[in-house]
Amino acid sequence: MKITEECINCSACVDECESNAIYNAGEEHTVNGESKSALSDEHTYIVPELCNTCKSCVEVCAVDAIIEE
């Protein structure tokens, strides 16, 4: 899953994600206990290693900015 540039940073997907795989723009994330820098400074992003592709984020996205890769 990937969040495109159409994202308006509403954070609805962040709150919806049961896997805690979605982070706000510029926010550091953690994989296997290791902190990593943000994958995007412009819009909300999905950490591929944490995503289980349940697609609950797709359902809540107001602007259809989440796609399958």
N, C-alpha and C. Protein backbone atom coordinates (compact mmCIF):
# COMPACT_ATOMS: atom_id res chain seq x y z
N MET A 1 0.85 -1.17 0.00
CA MET A 1 0.00 0.00 0.00
C MET A 1 0.90 1.24 0.00
N LYS A 2 0.41 2.26 -0.65
CA LYS A 2 1.18 3.51 -0.76
C LYS A 2 0.22 4.69 -0.72
N ILE A 3 0.65 5.77 -0.08
CA ILE A 3 -0.13 7.00 -0.06
C ILE A 3 0.46 7.94 -1.09
N THR A 4 -0.38 8.42 -1.99
CA THR A 4 0.07 9.28 -3.09
C THR A 4 0.12 10.75 -2.68
N GLU A 5 0.60 11.57 -3.59
CA GLU A 5 0.73 13.01 -3.34
C GLU A 5 -0.62 13.71 -3.21
N GLU A 6 -1.71 13.03 -3.54
CA GLU A 6 -3.04 13.62 -3.38
C GLU A 6 -3.45 13.72 -1.91
N CYS A 7 -2.69 13.10 -1.03
CA CYS A 7 -2.98 13.09 0.41
C CYS A 7 -3.12 14.51 0.95
N ILE A 8 -4.15 14.71 1.78
CA ILE A 8 -4.39 16.03 2.39
C ILE A 8 -4.00 16.04 3.87
N ASN A 9 -3.31 15.00 4.33
CA ASN A 9 -2.81 14.90 5.71
C ASN A 9 -3.90 15.02 6.76
N CYS A 10 -5.04 14.39 6.52
CA CYS A 10 -6.14 14.45 7.48
C CYS A 10 -5.94 13.48 8.65
N SER A 11 -5.05 12.51 8.50
CA SER A 11 -4.70 11.51 9.52
C SER A 11 -5.79 10.49 9.81
N ALA A 12 -6.83 10.43 9.03
CA ALA A 12 -7.88 9.43 9.24
C ALA A 12 -7.29 8.03 9.14
N CYS A 13 -6.38 7.82 8.21
CA CYS A 13 -5.78 6.50 8.03
C CYS A 13 -4.85 6.13 9.18
N VAL A 14 -4.18 7.13 9.75
CA VAL A 14 -3.29 6.89 10.89
C VAL A 14 -4.09 6.30 12.04
N ASP A 15 -5.24 6.89 12.32
CA ASP A 15 -6.10 6.44 13.41
C ASP A 15 -6.71 5.07 13.12
N GLU A 16 -6.96 4.77 11.86
CA GLU A 16 -7.62 3.53 11.45
C GLU A 16 -6.68 2.32 11.42
N CYS A 17 -5.41 2.53 11.20
CA CYS A 17 -4.46 1.44 10.98
C CYS A 17 -4.22 0.60 12.24
N GLU A 18 -4.65 -0.66 12.17
CA GLU A 18 -4.49 -1.59 13.30
C GLU A 18 -3.04 -2.06 13.43
N SER A 19 -2.27 -1.97 12.37
CA SER A 19 -0.87 -2.42 12.37
C SER A 19 0.10 -1.32 12.78
N ASN A 20 -0.40 -0.12 13.01
CA ASN A 20 0.46 1.03 13.31
C ASN A 20 1.54 1.20 12.27
N ALA A 21 1.12 1.07 11.00
CA ALA A 21 2.06 1.17 9.88
C ALA A 21 2.01 2.52 9.19
N ILE A 22 1.10 3.41 9.62
CA ILE A 22 0.93 4.70 8.95
C ILE A 22 1.33 5.82 9.90
N TYR A 23 2.14 6.72 9.38
CA TYR A 23 2.69 7.81 10.17
C TYR A 23 2.44 9.15 9.50
N ASN A 24 2.38 10.19 10.31
CA ASN A 24 2.20 11.55 9.79
C ASN A 24 3.49 12.03 9.13
N ALA A 25 3.34 12.96 8.22
CA ALA A 25 4.48 13.53 7.50
C ALA A 25 5.55 14.00 8.48
N GLY A 26 6.80 13.64 8.19
CA GLY A 26 7.92 14.07 9.00
C GLY A 26 8.13 13.31 10.29
N GLU A 27 7.23 12.41 10.61
CA GLU A 27 7.31 11.66 11.87
C GLU A 27 8.20 10.43 11.72
N GLU A 28 9.11 10.24 12.68
CA GLU A 28 9.95 9.05 12.68
C GLU A 28 9.09 7.82 12.92
N HIS A 29 9.54 6.68 12.44
CA HIS A 29 8.84 5.42 12.68
C HIS A 29 9.80 4.38 13.24
N THR A 30 9.25 3.29 13.76
CA THR A 30 10.06 2.24 14.36
C THR A 30 9.80 0.91 13.69
N VAL A 31 10.87 0.22 13.31
CA VAL A 31 10.78 -1.12 12.72
C VAL A 31 11.72 -2.01 13.53
N ASN A 32 11.18 -3.09 14.08
CA ASN A 32 11.97 -4.03 14.90
C ASN A 32 12.75 -3.32 16.00
N GLY A 33 12.10 -2.35 16.65
CA GLY A 33 12.71 -1.63 17.76
C GLY A 33 13.73 -0.58 17.37
N GLU A 34 13.92 -0.39 16.08
CA GLU A 34 14.90 0.59 15.60
C GLU A 34 14.20 1.81 15.02
N SER A 35 14.55 3.00 15.53
CA SER A 35 13.95 4.23 15.02
C SER A 35 14.53 4.56 13.65
N LYS A 36 13.65 4.98 12.76
CA LYS A 36 14.05 5.33 11.40
C LYS A 36 13.47 6.69 11.05
N SER A 37 14.14 7.39 10.16
CA SER A 37 13.65 8.71 9.76
C SER A 37 12.39 8.59 8.90
N ALA A 38 11.66 9.67 8.79
CA ALA A 38 10.40 9.70 8.04
C ALA A 38 10.62 9.33 6.58
N LEU A 39 9.67 8.59 6.02
CA LEU A 39 9.74 8.24 4.60
C LEU A 39 9.22 9.38 3.73
N SER A 40 8.48 10.32 4.35
CA SER A 40 7.97 11.48 3.62
C SER A 40 7.85 12.66 4.57
N ASP A 41 8.27 13.81 4.11
CA ASP A 41 8.10 15.04 4.87
C ASP A 41 6.91 15.85 4.37
N GLU A 42 6.31 15.41 3.25
CA GLU A 42 5.21 16.16 2.64
C GLU A 42 3.82 15.62 2.97
N HIS A 43 3.70 14.30 3.10
CA HIS A 43 2.38 13.73 3.38
C HIS A 43 2.49 12.47 4.22
N THR A 44 1.36 12.07 4.77
CA THR A 44 1.28 10.85 5.56
C THR A 44 1.85 9.70 4.74
N TYR A 45 2.48 8.73 5.41
CA TYR A 45 3.11 7.64 4.68
C TYR A 45 2.89 6.29 5.37
N ILE A 46 3.01 5.22 4.58
CA ILE A 46 2.87 3.85 5.07
C ILE A 46 4.24 3.19 5.08
N VAL A 47 4.59 2.55 6.19
CA VAL A 47 5.83 1.79 6.29
C VAL A 47 5.55 0.38 5.75
N PRO A 48 6.11 0.04 4.59
CA PRO A 48 5.80 -1.25 3.96
C PRO A 48 6.05 -2.46 4.86
N GLU A 49 7.12 -2.43 5.65
CA GLU A 49 7.46 -3.56 6.52
C GLU A 49 6.42 -3.81 7.61
N LEU A 50 5.63 -2.81 7.93
CA LEU A 50 4.64 -2.93 9.00
C LEU A 50 3.23 -3.16 8.48
N CYS A 51 2.99 -2.88 7.22
CA CYS A 51 1.65 -2.96 6.64
C CYS A 51 1.26 -4.41 6.36
N ASN A 52 0.03 -4.77 6.77
CA ASN A 52 -0.47 -6.12 6.49
C ASN A 52 -1.48 -6.13 5.34
N THR A 53 -1.58 -5.03 4.61
CA THR A 53 -2.46 -4.84 3.45
C THR A 53 -3.93 -5.16 3.74
N CYS A 54 -4.40 -4.82 4.93
CA CYS A 54 -5.81 -5.06 5.28
C CYS A 54 -6.76 -4.11 4.55
N LYS A 55 -6.23 -2.99 4.08
CA LYS A 55 -6.95 -1.98 3.31
C LYS A 55 -7.98 -1.18 4.11
N SER A 56 -7.94 -1.24 5.43
CA SER A 56 -8.86 -0.42 6.22
C SER A 56 -8.58 1.07 6.00
N CYS A 57 -7.34 1.40 5.68
CA CYS A 57 -6.98 2.79 5.41
C CYS A 57 -7.63 3.30 4.13
N VAL A 58 -7.74 2.43 3.14
CA VAL A 58 -8.35 2.80 1.86
C VAL A 58 -9.80 3.23 2.08
N GLU A 59 -10.49 2.52 2.93
CA GLU A 59 -11.90 2.79 3.19
C GLU A 59 -12.15 4.14 3.84
N VAL A 60 -11.19 4.63 4.64
CA VAL A 60 -11.40 5.90 5.35
C VAL A 60 -10.77 7.11 4.65
N CYS A 61 -10.01 6.87 3.59
CA CYS A 61 -9.33 7.98 2.91
C CYS A 61 -10.35 8.86 2.18
N ALA A 62 -10.38 10.12 2.57
CA ALA A 62 -11.36 11.07 2.02
C ALA A 62 -11.10 11.45 0.56
N VAL A 63 -9.84 11.29 0.12
CA VAL A 63 -9.49 11.73 -1.24
C VAL A 63 -8.94 10.60 -2.12
N ASP A 64 -9.16 9.37 -1.72
CA ASP A 64 -8.68 8.20 -2.48
C ASP A 64 -7.20 8.29 -2.81
N ALA A 65 -6.40 8.64 -1.81
CA ALA A 65 -4.97 8.82 -2.02
C ALA A 65 -4.15 7.57 -1.67
N ILE A 66 -4.80 6.47 -1.31
CA ILE A 66 -4.09 5.26 -0.95
C ILE A 66 -4.31 4.21 -2.04
N ILE A 67 -3.19 3.71 -2.55
CA ILE A 67 -3.24 2.74 -3.64
C ILE A 67 -2.42 1.50 -3.29
N GLU A 68 -2.69 0.41 -4.02
CA GLU A 68 -1.86 -0.78 -3.90
C GLU A 68 -0.66 -0.65 -4.82
N GLU A 69 0.48 -1.09 -4.33
CA GLU A 69 1.69 -1.05 -5.17
C GLU A 69 1.86 -2.36 -5.87
